[in-house]
N, C-alpha and C. Protein backbone atom coordinates (compact mmCIF):
# COMPACT_ATOMS: atom_id res chain seq x y z
N MET A 1 58.18 121.51 143.19
CA MET A 1 57.19 121.51 142.14
C MET A 1 57.64 122.45 141.01
N LYS A 2 57.56 121.98 139.80
CA LYS A 2 58.00 122.76 138.65
C LYS A 2 56.92 123.74 138.23
N LYS A 3 57.39 124.88 137.73
CA LYS A 3 56.46 125.86 137.18
C LYS A 3 56.00 125.38 135.81
N ALA A 4 54.81 125.77 135.45
CA ALA A 4 54.32 125.48 134.10
C ALA A 4 55.07 126.38 133.13
N PRO A 5 55.40 125.84 131.97
CA PRO A 5 56.13 126.68 131.00
C PRO A 5 55.29 127.88 130.57
N LYS A 6 56.00 128.96 130.25
CA LYS A 6 55.33 130.16 129.73
C LYS A 6 54.75 129.84 128.36
N PRO A 7 53.64 130.45 128.01
CA PRO A 7 53.10 130.21 126.66
C PRO A 7 54.02 130.84 125.61
N LEU A 8 54.16 130.14 124.50
CA LEU A 8 54.99 130.65 123.42
C LEU A 8 54.29 131.81 122.73
N PRO A 9 55.02 132.87 122.45
CA PRO A 9 54.40 133.96 121.70
C PRO A 9 54.17 133.52 120.25
N SER A 10 53.27 134.18 119.57
CA SER A 10 53.08 133.87 118.15
C SER A 10 53.97 134.81 117.35
N PHE A 11 54.46 134.29 116.23
CA PHE A 11 55.39 135.04 115.40
C PHE A 11 54.80 135.19 114.01
N ALA A 12 54.98 136.36 113.44
CA ALA A 12 54.47 136.62 112.09
C ALA A 12 55.39 136.03 111.02
N THR A 13 56.69 135.98 111.32
CA THR A 13 57.65 135.48 110.34
C THR A 13 58.69 134.62 111.04
N GLU A 14 59.40 133.85 110.25
CA GLU A 14 60.48 133.04 110.79
C GLU A 14 61.60 133.95 111.32
N ALA A 15 61.84 135.06 110.65
CA ALA A 15 62.87 136.00 111.10
C ALA A 15 62.53 136.57 112.49
N GLU A 16 61.26 136.85 112.71
CA GLU A 16 60.81 137.35 114.01
C GLU A 16 61.04 136.30 115.09
N GLU A 17 60.72 135.05 114.78
CA GLU A 17 60.94 133.97 115.74
C GLU A 17 62.42 133.78 116.02
N ARG A 18 63.24 133.84 114.98
CA ARG A 18 64.68 133.69 115.14
C ARG A 18 65.22 134.78 116.06
N ALA A 19 64.78 136.02 115.85
CA ALA A 19 65.23 137.13 116.68
C ALA A 19 64.82 136.92 118.14
N PHE A 20 63.62 136.39 118.35
CA PHE A 20 63.15 136.13 119.71
C PHE A 20 64.06 135.12 120.41
N TRP A 21 64.34 133.99 119.74
CA TRP A 21 65.12 132.93 120.37
C TRP A 21 66.60 133.30 120.53
N GLU A 22 67.06 134.26 119.74
CA GLU A 22 68.44 134.73 119.90
C GLU A 22 68.61 135.52 121.20
N SER A 23 67.50 136.03 121.73
CA SER A 23 67.58 136.84 122.93
C SER A 23 66.85 136.24 124.13
N HIS A 24 66.32 135.03 123.99
CA HIS A 24 65.59 134.39 125.10
C HIS A 24 66.10 132.95 125.30
N ASP A 25 66.02 132.51 126.54
CA ASP A 25 66.38 131.14 126.88
C ASP A 25 65.13 130.27 126.76
N THR A 26 65.30 129.04 126.27
CA THR A 26 64.16 128.14 126.11
C THR A 26 63.67 127.59 127.45
N ALA A 27 64.48 127.70 128.49
CA ALA A 27 64.15 127.07 129.77
C ALA A 27 62.78 127.48 130.31
N GLY A 28 62.40 128.72 130.15
CA GLY A 28 61.12 129.17 130.67
C GLY A 28 59.94 128.80 129.78
N TYR A 29 60.23 128.38 128.56
CA TYR A 29 59.17 128.12 127.58
C TYR A 29 58.97 126.65 127.23
N VAL A 30 59.96 125.82 127.54
CA VAL A 30 59.91 124.41 127.15
C VAL A 30 60.18 123.54 128.36
N ASP A 31 59.39 122.50 128.53
CA ASP A 31 59.64 121.52 129.58
C ASP A 31 60.54 120.43 129.00
N TRP A 32 61.85 120.60 129.18
CA TRP A 32 62.80 119.69 128.55
C TRP A 32 62.77 118.29 129.16
N SER A 33 62.11 118.11 130.30
CA SER A 33 62.02 116.76 130.89
C SER A 33 61.13 115.85 130.04
N LYS A 34 60.30 116.45 129.19
CA LYS A 34 59.41 115.66 128.33
C LYS A 34 59.97 115.52 126.91
N ALA A 35 61.19 116.01 126.70
CA ALA A 35 61.78 115.94 125.36
C ALA A 35 62.13 114.50 124.99
N VAL A 36 62.01 114.21 123.73
CA VAL A 36 62.39 112.89 123.21
C VAL A 36 63.40 113.10 122.07
N VAL A 37 64.22 112.10 121.84
CA VAL A 37 65.20 112.17 120.77
C VAL A 37 64.48 112.03 119.43
N ALA A 38 64.76 112.93 118.53
CA ALA A 38 64.17 112.87 117.19
C ALA A 38 65.21 112.33 116.22
N ARG A 39 64.78 111.47 115.35
CA ARG A 39 65.68 110.93 114.33
C ARG A 39 65.11 111.25 112.96
N PHE A 40 65.97 111.68 112.08
CA PHE A 40 65.59 112.01 110.71
C PHE A 40 66.49 111.23 109.77
N PRO A 41 66.25 109.94 109.61
CA PRO A 41 67.18 109.10 108.85
C PRO A 41 67.24 109.41 107.36
N ASN A 42 66.24 110.03 106.80
CA ASN A 42 66.22 110.26 105.36
C ASN A 42 66.73 111.64 104.95
N LEU A 43 67.21 112.42 105.92
CA LEU A 43 67.73 113.73 105.57
C LEU A 43 69.07 113.58 104.87
N LYS A 44 69.24 114.35 103.85
CA LYS A 44 70.51 114.36 103.13
C LYS A 44 71.17 115.72 103.35
N PRO A 45 72.49 115.72 103.52
CA PRO A 45 73.14 117.02 103.72
C PRO A 45 72.99 117.89 102.48
N ILE A 46 72.88 119.16 102.72
CA ILE A 46 72.79 120.11 101.61
C ILE A 46 74.16 120.18 100.95
N THR A 47 74.17 120.10 99.64
CA THR A 47 75.43 120.18 98.92
C THR A 47 75.44 121.40 98.03
N LYS A 48 76.63 121.81 97.67
CA LYS A 48 76.79 122.94 96.77
C LYS A 48 77.80 122.55 95.72
N ARG A 49 77.46 122.80 94.50
CA ARG A 49 78.33 122.48 93.38
C ARG A 49 79.44 123.52 93.30
N ILE A 50 80.68 123.02 93.12
CA ILE A 50 81.81 123.93 92.93
C ILE A 50 82.56 123.52 91.68
N SER A 51 83.35 124.43 91.19
CA SER A 51 84.21 124.13 90.05
C SER A 51 85.63 124.06 90.58
N LEU A 52 86.31 122.98 90.26
CA LEU A 52 87.66 122.77 90.77
C LEU A 52 88.56 122.40 89.60
N HIS A 53 89.58 123.19 89.37
CA HIS A 53 90.50 122.92 88.27
C HIS A 53 91.69 122.14 88.81
N LEU A 54 91.90 120.94 88.27
CA LEU A 54 93.00 120.08 88.69
C LEU A 54 93.91 119.81 87.51
N PRO A 55 95.19 119.62 87.78
CA PRO A 55 96.06 119.18 86.70
C PRO A 55 95.57 117.82 86.17
N VAL A 56 95.67 117.63 84.87
CA VAL A 56 95.17 116.41 84.24
C VAL A 56 95.79 115.17 84.87
N GLY A 57 97.09 115.21 85.13
CA GLY A 57 97.77 114.06 85.73
C GLY A 57 97.21 113.70 87.10
N LEU A 58 96.94 114.71 87.91
CA LEU A 58 96.38 114.48 89.24
C LEU A 58 94.99 113.87 89.13
N LEU A 59 94.17 114.41 88.24
CA LEU A 59 92.82 113.88 88.06
C LEU A 59 92.88 112.42 87.61
N GLU A 60 93.79 112.09 86.73
CA GLU A 60 93.92 110.70 86.27
C GLU A 60 94.33 109.79 87.42
N GLN A 61 95.23 110.25 88.28
CA GLN A 61 95.63 109.45 89.44
C GLN A 61 94.45 109.23 90.39
N ILE A 62 93.64 110.26 90.57
CA ILE A 62 92.46 110.14 91.43
C ILE A 62 91.47 109.14 90.82
N LYS A 63 91.28 109.21 89.51
CA LYS A 63 90.36 108.28 88.85
C LYS A 63 90.85 106.85 88.97
N ILE A 64 92.15 106.64 88.87
CA ILE A 64 92.71 105.29 89.02
C ILE A 64 92.47 104.79 90.45
N ALA A 65 92.74 105.65 91.43
CA ALA A 65 92.52 105.27 92.84
C ALA A 65 91.05 104.97 93.09
N ALA A 66 90.17 105.75 92.51
CA ALA A 66 88.73 105.54 92.68
C ALA A 66 88.32 104.21 92.04
N ASN A 67 88.84 103.94 90.86
CA ASN A 67 88.53 102.69 90.16
C ASN A 67 88.98 101.49 90.99
N GLN A 68 90.15 101.58 91.61
CA GLN A 68 90.65 100.49 92.45
C GLN A 68 89.74 100.25 93.66
N ARG A 69 89.10 101.31 94.12
CA ARG A 69 88.21 101.20 95.28
C ARG A 69 86.76 100.99 94.86
N ASP A 70 86.50 101.00 93.56
CA ASP A 70 85.17 100.81 92.99
C ASP A 70 84.18 101.86 93.50
N VAL A 71 84.63 103.12 93.49
CA VAL A 71 83.76 104.25 93.85
C VAL A 71 83.92 105.33 92.78
N PRO A 72 82.93 106.17 92.59
CA PRO A 72 83.09 107.30 91.67
C PRO A 72 84.20 108.24 92.16
N TYR A 73 84.94 108.80 91.23
CA TYR A 73 86.07 109.63 91.64
C TYR A 73 85.64 110.86 92.43
N GLN A 74 84.45 111.42 92.12
CA GLN A 74 83.98 112.57 92.89
C GLN A 74 83.73 112.19 94.35
N SER A 75 83.20 110.98 94.55
CA SER A 75 82.96 110.50 95.92
C SER A 75 84.26 110.31 96.66
N LEU A 76 85.27 109.79 95.97
CA LEU A 76 86.56 109.59 96.60
C LEU A 76 87.17 110.94 97.00
N ILE A 77 87.06 111.93 96.14
CA ILE A 77 87.57 113.26 96.48
C ILE A 77 86.85 113.79 97.73
N LYS A 78 85.53 113.63 97.80
CA LYS A 78 84.77 114.09 98.97
C LYS A 78 85.22 113.35 100.23
N MET A 79 85.43 112.04 100.11
CA MET A 79 85.88 111.26 101.28
C MET A 79 87.24 111.74 101.75
N TRP A 80 88.17 111.94 100.82
CA TRP A 80 89.50 112.41 101.19
C TRP A 80 89.46 113.80 101.82
N LEU A 81 88.65 114.69 101.27
CA LEU A 81 88.53 116.02 101.85
C LEU A 81 87.95 115.96 103.26
N ALA A 82 86.92 115.13 103.44
CA ALA A 82 86.29 115.01 104.76
C ALA A 82 87.29 114.47 105.78
N GLU A 83 88.09 113.48 105.39
CA GLU A 83 89.10 112.92 106.29
C GLU A 83 90.12 113.97 106.68
N LYS A 84 90.56 114.74 105.71
CA LYS A 84 91.57 115.77 105.96
C LYS A 84 91.01 116.85 106.90
N VAL A 85 89.80 117.29 106.66
CA VAL A 85 89.19 118.33 107.49
C VAL A 85 88.98 117.81 108.91
N GLU A 86 88.60 116.54 109.04
CA GLU A 86 88.37 115.96 110.37
C GLU A 86 89.66 115.93 111.19
N LYS A 87 90.79 115.69 110.52
CA LYS A 87 92.08 115.64 111.21
C LYS A 87 92.61 117.02 111.57
N ALA A 88 92.15 118.04 110.87
CA ALA A 88 92.68 119.41 111.07
C ALA A 88 92.21 120.01 112.37
């Protein structure tokens, strides 16, 4: 027979809750047998704008490659970077 989960303490701030969970295991507080998969299909990854200086010739080559693939050149750069990072 399983024990009933411990009641969750109340937290005044998110920082207080974060500190609690950094030092406690969820096993005593959550009945994971009742967990369900959550899907968030409309979430978009957080992005951050950066400034990148490229030689003009390189940028023109990227724009040509992007045009051949019918995608914006910034998107093509992101795709290439993601592929490279995934392989690393």
